[in-house]
Amino acid sequence: DYLAGAPELAAEVAASTASYDLHEKKRAYRRCGVQEYLVWRVDDGEIDWFALDEGAYRSLDSSEEGLIESRVFPGLRLDAGALRRGDLAAVLDAARAGTDTDAHAAFAQTLDDRRAA
């Protein structure tokens, strides 16, 4: 078995390459059809998460709780504030809470069904 096509999500940690990542690479990912693109700009601590919408990337907004949630992978969420603070326990708690949702369970079942077919 092998995979073909663009990945659904690309994630990068950028320091000196942030400008390159947010411009050239972002355009390349868009052309290839990468559905979501996440960049953690470590120099300024910002996190950008974009979703492809009608051929253009749009920023995903944080929820009232400060979580950014994937549109492509139900249950995948990031506590951006906790990541910026270096509170990895809170980052992990948010990720675990996301995988404990009905939406994630349905998504996982869909993947299992595809694998079994």
PDB file of N, CA and C in Angstrom:
ATOM      1  N   ASP A   1       0.832  -1.189   0.000  1.00  0.00           N
ATOM      2  CA  ASP A   1       0.000   0.000   0.000  1.00  0.00           C
ATOM      3  C   ASP A   1       0.875   1.250   0.000  1.00  0.00           C
ATOM      4  N   TYR A   2       0.414   2.262  -0.688  1.00  0.00           N
ATOM      5  CA  TYR A   2       1.104   3.540  -0.679  1.00  0.00           C
ATOM      6  C   TYR A   2       0.082   4.650  -0.835  1.00  0.00           C
ATOM      7  N   LEU A   3       0.503   5.832  -0.535  1.00  0.00           N
ATOM      8  CA  LEU A   3      -0.371   6.994  -0.631  1.00  0.00           C
ATOM      9  C   LEU A   3      -0.032   7.777  -1.886  1.00  0.00           C
ATOM     10  N   ALA A   4      -1.041   8.400  -2.459  1.00  0.00           N
ATOM     11  CA  ALA A   4      -0.832   9.250  -3.630  1.00  0.00           C
ATOM     12  C   ALA A   4      -1.532  10.576  -3.391  1.00  0.00           C
ATOM     13  N   GLY A   5      -0.994  11.617  -3.982  1.00  0.00           N
ATOM     14  CA  GLY A   5      -1.622  12.927  -3.857  1.00  0.00           C
ATOM     15  C   GLY A   5      -1.058  13.732  -2.712  1.00  0.00           C
ATOM     16  N   ALA A   6      -1.639  14.892  -2.553  1.00  0.00           N
ATOM     17  CA  ALA A   6      -1.175  15.831  -1.526  1.00  0.00           C
ATOM     18  C   ALA A   6      -1.658  15.400  -0.144  1.00  0.00           C
ATOM     19  N   PRO A   7      -0.886  15.728   0.884  1.00  0.00           N
ATOM     20  CA  PRO A   7      -1.371  15.468   2.242  1.00  0.00           C
ATOM     21  C   PRO A   7      -2.521  16.415   2.574  1.00  0.00           C
ATOM     22  N   GLU A   8      -3.356  16.018   3.502  1.00  0.00           N
ATOM     23  CA  GLU A   8      -4.449  16.885   3.927  1.00  0.00           C
ATOM     24  C   GLU A   8      -3.942  18.049   4.770  1.00  0.00           C
ATOM     25  N   LEU A   9      -2.881  17.810   5.545  1.00  0.00           N
ATOM     26  CA  LEU A   9      -2.354  18.811   6.472  1.00  0.00           C
ATOM     27  C   LEU A   9      -0.834  18.849   6.387  1.00  0.00           C
ATOM     28  N   ALA A  10      -0.296  20.048   6.279  1.00  0.00           N
ATOM     29  CA  ALA A  10       1.151  20.259   6.376  1.00  0.00           C
ATOM     30  C   ALA A  10       1.385  21.152   7.583  1.00  0.00           C
ATOM     31  N   ALA A  11       2.339  20.778   8.428  1.00  0.00           N
ATOM     32  CA  ALA A  11       2.655  21.566   9.623  1.00  0.00           C
ATOM     33  C   ALA A  11       4.150  21.827   9.655  1.00  0.00           C
ATOM     34  N   GLU A  12       4.510  23.061   9.999  1.00  0.00           N
ATOM     35  CA  GLU A  12       5.912  23.447  10.009  1.00  0.00           C
ATOM     36  C   GLU A  12       6.226  24.307  11.225  1.00  0.00           C
ATOM     37  N   VAL A  13       7.452  24.195  11.675  1.00  0.00           N
ATOM     38  CA  VAL A  13       8.001  25.085  12.689  1.00  0.00           C
ATOM     39  C   VAL A  13       8.995  25.972  11.955  1.00  0.00           C
ATOM     40  N   ALA A  14       8.769  27.283  12.009  1.00  0.00           N
ATOM     41  CA  ALA A  14       9.582  28.209  11.218  1.00  0.00           C
ATOM     42  C   ALA A  14      10.248  29.238  12.118  1.00  0.00           C
ATOM     43  N   ALA A  15      11.502  29.478  11.858  1.00  0.00           N
ATOM     44  CA  ALA A  15      12.230  30.558  12.544  1.00  0.00           C
ATOM     45  C   ALA A  15      12.666  31.542  11.473  1.00  0.00           C
ATOM     46  N   SER A  16      13.879  31.400  11.004  1.00  0.00           N
ATOM     47  CA  SER A  16      14.376  32.333   9.991  1.00  0.00           C
ATOM     48  C   SER A  16      13.679  32.146   8.650  1.00  0.00           C
ATOM     49  N   THR A  17      12.984  31.023   8.466  1.00  0.00           N
ATOM     50  CA  THR A  17      12.317  30.746   7.194  1.00  0.00           C
ATOM     51  C   THR A  17      10.854  31.162   7.186  1.00  0.00           C
ATOM     52  N   ALA A  18      10.381  31.862   8.197  1.00  0.00           N
ATOM     53  CA  ALA A  18       8.954  32.179   8.314  1.00  0.00           C
ATOM     54  C   ALA A  18       8.424  32.901   7.089  1.00  0.00           C
ATOM     55  N   SER A  19       9.135  33.869   6.581  1.00  0.00           N
ATOM     56  CA  SER A  19       8.671  34.603   5.406  1.00  0.00           C
ATOM     57  C   SER A  19       8.539  33.664   4.215  1.00  0.00           C
ATOM     58  N   TYR A  20       9.537  32.817   4.016  1.00  0.00           N
ATOM     59  CA  TYR A  20       9.500  31.843   2.927  1.00  0.00           C
ATOM     60  C   TYR A  20       8.328  30.883   3.112  1.00  0.00           C
ATOM     61  N   ASP A  21       8.152  30.387   4.346  1.00  0.00           N
ATOM     62  CA  ASP A  21       7.080  29.434   4.624  1.00  0.00           C
ATOM     63  C   ASP A  21       5.707  30.046   4.397  1.00  0.00           C
ATOM     64  N   LEU A  22       5.537  31.307   4.771  1.00  0.00           N
ATOM     65  CA  LEU A  22       4.222  31.945   4.674  1.00  0.00           C
ATOM     66  C   LEU A  22       3.929  32.507   3.287  1.00  0.00           C
ATOM     67  N   HIS A  23       4.881  32.441   2.391  1.00  0.00           N
ATOM     68  CA  HIS A  23       4.640  32.954   1.045  1.00  0.00           C
ATOM     69  C   HIS A  23       4.872  31.871  -0.005  1.00  0.00           C
ATOM     70  N   GLU A  24       6.111  31.552  -0.307  1.00  0.00           N
ATOM     71  CA  GLU A  24       6.400  30.592  -1.364  1.00  0.00           C
ATOM     72  C   GLU A  24       5.841  29.202  -1.061  1.00  0.00           C
ATOM     73  N   LYS A  25       6.132  28.694   0.126  1.00  0.00           N
ATOM     74  CA  LYS A  25       5.652  27.349   0.453  1.00  0.00           C
ATOM     75  C   LYS A  25       4.131  27.311   0.532  1.00  0.00           C
ATOM     76  N   LYS A  26       3.554  28.352   1.072  1.00  0.00           N
ATOM     77  CA  LYS A  26       2.094  28.415   1.174  1.00  0.00           C
ATOM     78  C   LYS A  26       1.469  28.360  -0.219  1.00  0.00           C
ATOM     79  N   ARG A  27       2.039  29.089  -1.170  1.00  0.00           N
ATOM     80  CA  ARG A  27       1.531  29.043  -2.551  1.00  0.00           C
ATOM     81  C   ARG A  27       1.695  27.648  -3.150  1.00  0.00           C
ATOM     82  N   ALA A  28       2.834  27.023  -2.893  1.00  0.00           N
ATOM     83  CA  ALA A  28       3.071  25.675  -3.417  1.00  0.00           C
ATOM     84  C   ALA A  28       2.073  24.683  -2.827  1.00  0.00           C
ATOM     85  N   TYR A  29       1.836  24.770  -1.532  1.00  0.00           N
ATOM     86  CA  TYR A  29       0.862  23.876  -0.899  1.00  0.00           C
ATOM     87  C   TYR A  29      -0.538  24.107  -1.460  1.00  0.00           C
ATOM     88  N   ARG A  30      -0.887  25.355  -1.689  1.00  0.00           N
ATOM     89  CA  ARG A  30      -2.203  25.666  -2.258  1.00  0.00           C
ATOM     90  C   ARG A  30      -2.332  25.046  -3.646  1.00  0.00           C
ATOM     91  N   ARG A  31      -1.319  25.218  -4.479  1.00  0.00           N
ATOM     92  CA  ARG A  31      -1.349  24.655  -5.840  1.00  0.00           C
ATOM     93  C   ARG A  31      -1.502  23.140  -5.808  1.00  0.00           C
ATOM     94  N   CYS A  32      -0.878  22.505  -4.822  1.00  0.00           N
ATOM     95  CA  CYS A  32      -0.931  21.044  -4.717  1.00  0.00           C
ATOM     96  C   CYS A  32      -2.216  20.538  -4.069  1.00  0.00           C
ATOM     97  N   GLY A  33      -2.995  21.441  -3.487  1.00  0.00           N
ATOM     98  CA  GLY A  33      -4.256  21.038  -2.878  1.00  0.00           C
ATOM     99  C   GLY A  33      -4.164  20.593  -1.434  1.00  0.00           C
ATOM    100  N   VAL A  34      -3.109  20.990  -0.725  1.00  0.00           N
ATOM    101  CA  VAL A  34      -3.014  20.692   0.707  1.00  0.00           C
ATOM    102  C   VAL A  34      -4.152  21.442   1.395  1.00  0.00           C
ATOM    103  N   GLN A  35      -5.026  20.709   2.091  1.00  0.00           N
ATOM    104  CA  GLN A  35      -6.246  21.295   2.646  1.00  0.00           C
ATOM    105  C   GLN A  35      -5.997  22.239   3.816  1.00  0.00           C
ATOM    106  N   GLU A  36      -5.010  21.921   4.646  1.00  0.00           N
ATOM    107  CA  GLU A  36      -4.706  22.775   5.794  1.00  0.00           C
ATOM    108  C   GLU A  36      -3.199  22.933   5.931  1.00  0.00           C
ATOM    109  N   TYR A  37      -2.815  24.112   6.388  1.00  0.00           N
ATOM    110  CA  TYR A  37      -1.397  24.440   6.530  1.00  0.00           C
ATOM    111  C   TYR A  37      -1.211  25.157   7.859  1.00  0.00           C
ATOM    112  N   LEU A  38      -0.342  24.601   8.696  1.00  0.00           N
ATOM    113  CA  LEU A  38      -0.083  25.119  10.037  1.00  0.00           C
ATOM    114  C   LEU A  38       1.378  25.546  10.129  1.00  0.00           C
ATOM    115  N   VAL A  39       1.605  26.775  10.595  1.00  0.00           N
ATOM    116  CA  VAL A  39       2.966  27.279  10.773  1.00  0.00           C
ATOM    117  C   VAL A  39       3.095  27.848  12.180  1.00  0.00           C
ATOM    118  N   TRP A  40       4.064  27.335  12.932  1.00  0.00           N
ATOM    119  CA  TRP A  40       4.403  27.907  14.241  1.00  0.00           C
ATOM    120  C   TRP A  40       5.641  28.755  14.019  1.00  0.00           C
ATOM    121  N   ARG A  41       5.465  30.067  14.122  1.00  0.00           N
ATOM    122  CA  ARG A  41       6.565  31.015  13.944  1.00  0.00           C
ATOM    123  C   ARG A  41       7.231  31.211  15.305  1.00  0.00           C
ATOM    124  N   VAL A  42       8.290  30.483  15.543  1.00  0.00           N
ATOM    125  CA  VAL A  42       8.886  30.472  16.877  1.00  0.00           C
ATOM    126  C   VAL A  42       9.517  31.805  17.263  1.00  0.00           C
ATOM    127  N   ASP A  43       9.980  32.585  16.297  1.00  0.00           N
ATOM    128  CA  ASP A  43      10.615  33.861  16.645  1.00  0.00           C
ATOM    129  C   ASP A  43       9.646  34.836  17.296  1.00  0.00           C
ATOM    130  N   ASP A  44       8.405  34.880  16.809  1.00  0.00           N
ATOM    131  CA  ASP A  44       7.430  35.795  17.421  1.00  0.00           C
ATOM    132  C   ASP A  44       6.339  35.054  18.190  1.00  0.00           C
ATOM    133  N   GLY A  45       6.420  33.718  18.223  1.00  0.00           N
ATOM    134  CA  GLY A  45       5.490  32.926  19.012  1.00  0.00           C
ATOM    135  C   GLY A  45       4.106  32.763  18.412  1.00  0.00           C
ATOM    136  N   GLU A  46       3.902  33.241  17.207  1.00  0.00           N
ATOM    137  CA  GLU A  46       2.575  33.162  16.597  1.00  0.00           C
ATOM    138  C   GLU A  46       2.365  31.818  15.907  1.00  0.00           C
ATOM    139  N   ILE A  47       1.100  31.426  15.846  1.00  0.00           N
ATOM    140  CA  ILE A  47       0.710  30.190  15.185  1.00  0.00           C
ATOM    141  C   ILE A  47      -0.337  30.545  14.144  1.00  0.00           C
ATOM    142  N   ASP A  48      -0.061  30.173  12.903  1.00  0.00           N
ATOM    143  CA  ASP A  48      -0.996  30.403  11.805  1.00  0.00           C
ATOM    144  C   ASP A  48      -1.509  29.052  11.329  1.00  0.00           C
ATOM    145  N   TRP A  49      -2.834  28.916  11.278  1.00  0.00           N
ATOM    146  CA  TRP A  49      -3.433  27.684  10.768  1.00  0.00           C
ATOM    147  C   TRP A  49      -4.409  28.111   9.690  1.00  0.00           C
ATOM    148  N   PHE A  50      -4.157  27.651   8.482  1.00  0.00           N
ATOM    149  CA  PHE A  50      -4.954  28.030   7.327  1.00  0.00           C
ATOM    150  C   PHE A  50      -5.711  26.822   6.792  1.00  0.00           C
ATOM    151  N   ALA A  51      -6.901  27.076   6.259  1.00  0.00           N
ATOM    152  CA  ALA A  51      -7.687  26.045   5.592  1.00  0.00           C
ATOM    153  C   ALA A  51      -7.961  26.505   4.170  1.00  0.00           C
ATOM    154  N   LEU A  52      -7.844  25.576   3.230  1.00  0.00           N
ATOM    155  CA  LEU A  52      -8.097  25.883   1.830  1.00  0.00           C
ATOM    156  C   LEU A  52      -9.599  26.016   1.623  1.00  0.00           C
ATOM    157  N   ASP A  53     -10.008  27.161   1.091  1.00  0.00           N
ATOM    158  CA  ASP A  53     -11.425  27.462   0.903  1.00  0.00           C
ATOM    159  C   ASP A  53     -11.591  28.113  -0.468  1.00  0.00           C
ATOM    160  N   GLU A  54     -12.195  27.369  -1.388  1.00  0.00           N
ATOM    161  CA  GLU A  54     -12.414  27.857  -2.749  1.00  0.00           C
ATOM    162  C   GLU A  54     -11.117  28.345  -3.388  1.00  0.00           C
ATOM    163  N   GLY A  55     -10.058  27.561  -3.235  1.00  0.00           N
ATOM    164  CA  GLY A  55      -8.792  27.849  -3.887  1.00  0.00           C
ATOM    165  C   GLY A  55      -7.884  28.832  -3.179  1.00  0.00           C
ATOM    166  N   ALA A  56      -8.287  29.321  -2.016  1.00  0.00           N
ATOM    167  CA  ALA A  56      -7.457  30.271  -1.268  1.00  0.00           C
ATOM    168  C   ALA A  56      -7.395  29.833   0.193  1.00  0.00           C
ATOM    169  N   TYR A  57      -6.265  30.099   0.817  1.00  0.00           N
ATOM    170  CA  TYR A  57      -6.147  29.802   2.240  1.00  0.00           C
ATOM    171  C   TYR A  57      -6.792  30.907   3.060  1.00  0.00           C
ATOM    172  N   ARG A  58      -7.555  30.483   4.052  1.00  0.00           N
ATOM    173  CA  ARG A  58      -8.167  31.402   5.003  1.00  0.00           C
ATOM    174  C   ARG A  58      -7.715  30.976   6.404  1.00  0.00           C
ATOM    175  N   SER A  59      -7.469  31.951   7.259  1.00  0.00           N
ATOM    176  CA  SER A  59      -7.042  31.658   8.631  1.00  0.00           C
ATOM    177  C   SER A  59      -8.175  31.014   9.413  1.00  0.00           C
ATOM    178  N   LEU A  60      -7.830  30.001  10.178  1.00  0.00           N
ATOM    179  CA  LEU A  60      -8.793  29.414  11.100  1.00  0.00           C
ATOM    180  C   LEU A  60      -8.743  30.221  12.388  1.00  0.00           C
ATOM    181  N   ASP A  61      -9.893  30.600  12.879  1.00  0.00           N
ATOM    182  CA  ASP A  61      -9.974  31.379  14.111  1.00  0.00           C
ATOM    183  C   ASP A  61      -9.976  30.464  15.326  1.00  0.00           C
ATOM    184  N   SER A  62      -9.496  30.992  16.422  1.00  0.00           N
ATOM    185  CA  SER A  62      -9.555  30.272  17.694  1.00  0.00           C
ATOM    186  C   SER A  62     -10.969  30.328  18.247  1.00  0.00           C
ATOM    187  N   SER A  63     -11.337  29.290  18.983  1.00  0.00           N
ATOM    188  CA  SER A  63     -12.620  29.276  19.676  1.00  0.00           C
ATOM    189  C   SER A  63     -12.539  30.191  20.897  1.00  0.00           C
ATOM    190  N   GLU A  64     -13.656  30.341  21.595  1.00  0.00           N
ATOM    191  CA  GLU A  64     -13.661  31.142  22.825  1.00  0.00           C
ATOM    192  C   GLU A  64     -12.696  30.572  23.861  1.00  0.00           C
ATOM    193  N   GLU A  65     -12.462  29.257  23.795  1.00  0.00           N
ATOM    194  CA  GLU A  65     -11.539  28.604  24.726  1.00  0.00           C
ATOM    195  C   GLU A  65     -10.086  28.732  24.274  1.00  0.00           C
ATOM    196  N   GLY A  66      -9.855  29.363  23.130  1.00  0.00           N
ATOM    197  CA  GLY A  66      -8.498  29.533  22.627  1.00  0.00           C
ATOM    198  C   GLY A  66      -7.982  28.357  21.820  1.00  0.00           C
ATOM    199  N   LEU A  67      -8.892  27.499  21.376  1.00  0.00           N
ATOM    200  CA  LEU A  67      -8.499  26.319  20.609  1.00  0.00           C
ATOM    201  C   LEU A  67      -8.647  26.582  19.116  1.00  0.00           C
ATOM    202  N   ILE A  68      -7.718  26.060  18.346  1.00  0.00           N
ATOM    203  CA  ILE A  68      -7.844  26.053  16.894  1.00  0.00           C
ATOM    204  C   ILE A  68      -8.152  24.610  16.517  1.00  0.00           C
ATOM    205  N   GLU A  69      -9.205  24.415  15.711  1.00  0.00           N
ATOM    206  CA  GLU A  69      -9.634  23.061  15.370  1.00  0.00           C
ATOM    207  C   GLU A  69      -9.579  22.830  13.874  1.00  0.00           C
ATOM    208  N   SER A  70      -9.084  21.666  13.507  1.00  0.00           N
ATOM    209  CA  SER A  70      -8.979  21.281  12.110  1.00  0.00           C
ATOM    210  C   SER A  70     -10.360  21.085  11.503  1.00  0.00           C
ATOM    211  N   ARG A  71     -10.493  21.479  10.247  1.00  0.00           N
ATOM    212  CA  ARG A  71     -11.707  21.181   9.492  1.00  0.00           C
ATOM    213  C   ARG A  71     -11.594  19.820   8.818  1.00  0.00           C
ATOM    214  N   VAL A  72     -10.372  19.387   8.583  1.00  0.00           N
ATOM    215  CA  VAL A  72     -10.124  18.151   7.843  1.00  0.00           C
ATOM    216  C   VAL A  72     -10.115  16.928   8.754  1.00  0.00           C
ATOM    217  N   PHE A  73      -9.555  17.083   9.943  1.00  0.00           N
ATOM    218  CA  PHE A  73      -9.439  15.985  10.891  1.00  0.00           C
ATOM    219  C   PHE A  73     -10.291  16.280  12.121  1.00  0.00           C
ATOM    220  N   PRO A  74     -11.535  15.815  12.139  1.00  0.00           N
ATOM    221  CA  PRO A  74     -12.398  16.072  13.293  1.00  0.00           C
ATOM    222  C   PRO A  74     -11.742  15.596  14.592  1.00  0.00           C
ATOM    223  N   GLY A  75     -11.728  16.482  15.566  1.00  0.00           N
ATOM    224  CA  GLY A  75     -11.127  16.166  16.858  1.00  0.00           C
ATOM    225  C   GLY A  75      -9.698  16.646  17.008  1.00  0.00           C
ATOM    226  N   LEU A  76      -9.053  17.020  15.904  1.00  0.00           N
ATOM    227  CA  LEU A  76      -7.695  17.548  16.000  1.00  0.00           C
ATOM    228  C   LEU A  76      -7.779  19.007  16.398  1.00  0.00           C
ATOM    229  N   ARG A  77      -7.242  19.310  17.568  1.00  0.00           N
ATOM    230  CA  ARG A  77      -7.297  20.687  18.070  1.00  0.00           C
ATOM    231  C   ARG A  77      -5.991  21.044  18.754  1.00  0.00           C
ATOM    232  N   LEU A  78      -5.721  22.340  18.742  1.00  0.00           N
ATOM    233  CA  LEU A  78      -4.489  22.854  19.320  1.00  0.00           C
ATOM    234  C   LEU A  78      -4.816  24.010  20.245  1.00  0.00           C
ATOM    235  N   ASP A  79      -4.324  23.925  21.461  1.00  0.00           N
ATOM    236  CA  ASP A  79      -4.410  25.047  22.395  1.00  0.00           C
ATOM    237  C   ASP A  79      -3.192  25.919  22.120  1.00  0.00           C
ATOM    238  N   ALA A  80      -3.373  26.892  21.227  1.00  0.00           N
ATOM    239  CA  ALA A  80      -2.257  27.726  20.777  1.00  0.00           C
ATOM    240  C   ALA A  80      -1.652  28.533  21.920  1.00  0.00           C
ATOM    241  N   GLY A  81      -2.483  29.044  22.808  1.00  0.00           N
ATOM    242  CA  GLY A  81      -1.971  29.813  23.941  1.00  0.00           C
ATOM    243  C   GLY A  81      -1.091  28.967  24.842  1.00  0.00           C
ATOM    244  N   ALA A  82      -1.525  27.740  25.099  1.00  0.00           N
ATOM    245  CA  ALA A  82      -0.725  26.841  25.935  1.00  0.00           C
ATOM    246  C   ALA A  82       0.602  26.512  25.260  1.00  0.00           C
ATOM    247  N   LEU A  83       0.576  26.330  23.941  1.00  0.00           N
ATOM    248  CA  LEU A  83       1.822  26.055  23.226  1.00  0.00           C
ATOM    249  C   LEU A  83       2.775  27.242  23.327  1.00  0.00           C
ATOM    250  N   ARG A  84       2.242  28.447  23.168  1.00  0.00           N
ATOM    251  CA  ARG A  84       3.078  29.650  23.285  1.00  0.00           C
ATOM    252  C   ARG A  84       3.699  29.778  24.676  1.00  0.00           C
ATOM    253  N   ARG A  85       2.924  29.398  25.707  1.00  0.00           N
ATOM    254  CA  ARG A  85       3.413  29.491  27.090  1.00  0.00           C
ATOM    255  C   ARG A  85       4.357  28.348  27.453  1.00  0.00           C
ATOM    256  N   GLY A  86       4.437  27.348  26.597  1.00  0.00           N
ATOM    257  CA  GLY A  86       5.255  26.180  26.899  1.00  0.00           C
ATOM    258  C   GLY A  86       4.569  25.206  27.832  1.00  0.00           C
ATOM    259  N   ASP A  87       3.239  25.319  27.962  1.00  0.00           N
ATOM    260  CA  ASP A  87       2.462  24.439  28.835  1.00  0.00           C
ATOM    261  C   ASP A  87       2.050  23.199  28.042  1.00  0.00           C
ATOM    262  N   LEU A  88       2.993  22.284  27.900  1.00  0.00           N
ATOM    263  CA  LEU A  88       2.753  21.116  27.065  1.00  0.00           C
ATOM    264  C   LEU A  88       1.698  20.187  27.645  1.00  0.00           C
ATOM    265  N   ALA A  89       1.524  20.187  28.958  1.00  0.00           N
ATOM    266  CA  ALA A  89       0.464  19.376  29.564  1.00  0.00           C
ATOM    267  C   ALA A  89      -0.901  19.863  29.092  1.00  0.00           C
ATOM    268  N   ALA A  90      -1.097  21.182  29.019  1.00  0.00           N
ATOM    269  CA  ALA A  90      -2.368  21.731  28.539  1.00  0.00           C
ATOM    270  C   ALA A  90      -2.554  21.462  27.050  1.00  0.00           C
ATOM    271  N   VAL A  91      -1.468  21.511  26.283  1.00  0.00           N
ATOM    272  CA  VAL A  91      -1.546  21.180  24.854  1.00  0.00           C
ATOM    273  C   VAL A  91      -2.019  19.739  24.696  1.00  0.00           C
ATOM    274  N   LEU A  92      -1.429  18.838  25.457  1.00  0.00           N
ATOM    275  CA  LEU A  92      -1.805  17.427  25.400  1.00  0.00           C
ATOM    276  C   LEU A  92      -3.234  17.215  25.879  1.00  0.00           C
ATOM    277  N   ASP A  93      -3.643  17.905  26.938  1.00  0.00           N
ATOM    278  CA  ASP A  93      -5.022  17.790  27.427  1.00  0.00           C
ATOM    279  C   ASP A  93      -6.021  18.197  26.353  1.00  0.00           C
ATOM    280  N   ALA A  94      -5.747  19.287  25.648  1.00  0.00           N
ATOM    281  CA  ALA A  94      -6.647  19.745  24.586  1.00  0.00           C
ATOM    282  C   ALA A  94      -6.705  18.724  23.456  1.00  0.00           C
ATOM    283  N   ALA A  95      -5.554  18.170  23.099  1.00  0.00           N
ATOM    284  CA  ALA A  95      -5.518  17.164  22.035  1.00  0.00           C
ATOM    285  C   ALA A  95      -6.306  15.921  22.441  1.00  0.00           C
ATOM    286  N   ARG A  96      -6.129  15.488  23.677  1.00  0.00           N
ATOM    287  CA  ARG A  96      -6.865  14.305  24.153  1.00  0.00           C
ATOM    288  C   ARG A  96      -8.363  14.569  24.207  1.00  0.00           C
ATOM    289  N   ALA A  97      -8.750  15.757  24.645  1.00  0.00           N
ATOM    290  CA  ALA A  97     -10.177  16.091  24.693  1.00  0.00           C
ATOM    291  C   ALA A  97     -10.775  16.065  23.292  1.00  0.00           C
ATOM    292  N   GLY A  98     -10.004  16.490  22.306  1.00  0.00           N
ATOM    293  CA  GLY A  98     -10.484  16.462  20.929  1.00  0.00           C
ATOM    294  C   GLY A  98     -10.718  15.055  20.422  1.00  0.00           C
ATOM    295  N   THR A  99      -9.861  14.133  20.829  1.00  0.00           N
ATOM    296  CA  THR A  99     -10.031  12.753  20.375  1.00  0.00           C
ATOM    297  C   THR A  99     -11.106  12.018  21.163  1.00  0.00           C
ATOM    298  N   ASP A 100     -11.655  12.679  22.165  1.00  0.00           N
ATOM    299  CA  ASP A 100     -12.727  12.089  22.970  1.00  0.00           C
ATOM    300  C   ASP A 100     -14.084  12.675  22.579  1.00  0.00           C
ATOM    301  N   THR A 101     -14.236  13.054  21.311  1.00  0.00           N
ATOM    302  CA  THR A 101     -15.492  13.631  20.838  1.00  0.00           C
ATOM    303  C   THR A 101     -16.196  12.659  19.897  1.00  0.00           C
ATOM    304  N   ASP A 102     -17.505  12.837  19.763  1.00  0.00           N
ATOM    305  CA  ASP A 102     -18.267  12.013  18.822  1.00  0.00           C
ATOM    306  C   ASP A 102     -17.786  12.222  17.392  1.00  0.00           C
ATOM    307  N   ALA A 103     -17.431  13.460  17.056  1.00  0.00           N
ATOM    308  CA  ALA A 103     -16.961  13.755  15.696  1.00  0.00           C
ATOM    309  C   ALA A 103     -15.682  12.979  15.385  1.00  0.00           C
ATOM    310  N   HIS A 104     -14.773  12.919  16.351  1.00  0.00           N
ATOM    311  CA  HIS A 104     -13.531  12.174  16.129  1.00  0.00           C
ATOM    312  C   HIS A 104     -13.816  10.676  16.028  1.00  0.00           C
ATOM    313  N   ALA A 105     -14.706  10.170  16.871  1.00  0.00           N
ATOM    314  CA  ALA A 105     -15.043   8.746  16.828  1.00  0.00           C
ATOM    315  C   ALA A 105     -15.630   8.373  15.468  1.00  0.00           C
ATOM    316  N   ALA A 106     -16.504   9.224  14.942  1.00  0.00           N
ATOM    317  CA  ALA A 106     -17.095   8.962  13.627  1.00  0.00           C
ATOM    318  C   ALA A 106     -16.025   9.001  12.539  1.00  0.00           C
ATOM    319  N   PHE A 107     -15.112   9.952  12.638  1.00  0.00           N
ATOM    320  CA  PHE A 107     -14.016  10.060  11.673  1.00  0.00           C
ATOM    321  C   PHE A 107     -13.137   8.811  11.724  1.00  0.00           C
ATOM    322  N   ALA A 108     -12.769   8.381  12.923  1.00  0.00           N
ATOM    323  CA  ALA A 108     -11.936   7.192  13.080  1.00  0.00           C
ATOM    324  C   ALA A 108     -12.642   5.960  12.522  1.00  0.00           C
ATOM    325  N   GLN A 109     -13.953   5.869  12.726  1.00  0.00           N
ATOM    326  CA  GLN A 109     -14.711   4.737  12.195  1.00  0.00           C
ATOM    327  C   GLN A 109     -14.704   4.750  10.669  1.00  0.00           C
ATOM    328  N   THR A 110     -14.821   5.934  10.083  1.00  0.00           N
ATOM    329  CA  THR A 110     -14.758   6.064   8.624  1.00  0.00           C
ATOM    330  C   THR A 110     -13.412   5.563   8.102  1.00  0.00           C
ATOM    331  N   LEU A 111     -12.337   5.928   8.778  1.00  0.00           N
ATOM    332  CA  LEU A 111     -11.012   5.457   8.367  1.00  0.00           C
ATOM    333  C   LEU A 111     -10.899   3.942   8.499  1.00  0.00           C
ATOM    334  N   ASP A 112     -11.416   3.391   9.595  1.00  0.00           N
ATOM    335  CA  ASP A 112     -11.395   1.940   9.782  1.00  0.00           C
ATOM    336  C   ASP A 112     -12.181   1.238   8.685  1.00  0.00           C
ATOM    337  N   ASP A 113     -13.339   1.797   8.337  1.00  0.00           N
ATOM    338  CA  ASP A 113     -14.169   1.202   7.287  1.00  0.00           C
ATOM    339  C   ASP A 113     -13.448   1.216   5.941  1.00  0.00           C
ATOM    340  N   ARG A 114     -12.776   2.306   5.637  1.00  0.00           N
ATOM    341  CA  ARG A 114     -12.019   2.393   4.373  1.00  0.00           C
ATOM    342  C   ARG A 114     -10.890   1.373   4.341  1.00  0.00           C
ATOM    343  N   ARG A 115     -10.220   1.227   5.469  1.00  0.00           N
ATOM    344  CA  ARG A 115      -9.101   0.292   5.544  1.00  0.00           C
ATOM    345  C   ARG A 115      -9.583  -1.144   5.348  1.00  0.00           C
ATOM    346  N   ALA A 116     -10.766  -1.447   5.861  1.00  0.00           N
ATOM    347  CA  ALA A 116     -11.305  -2.801   5.783  1.00  0.00           C
ATOM    348  C   ALA A 116     -11.852  -3.130   4.394  1.00  0.00           C
ATOM    349  N   ALA A 117     -12.173  -2.096   3.618  1.00  0.00           N
ATOM    350  CA  ALA A 117     -12.789  -2.327   2.292  1.00  0.00           C
ATOM    351  C   ALA A 117     -11.787  -2.835   1.279  1.00  0.00           C
TER     352      ALA A 117
END
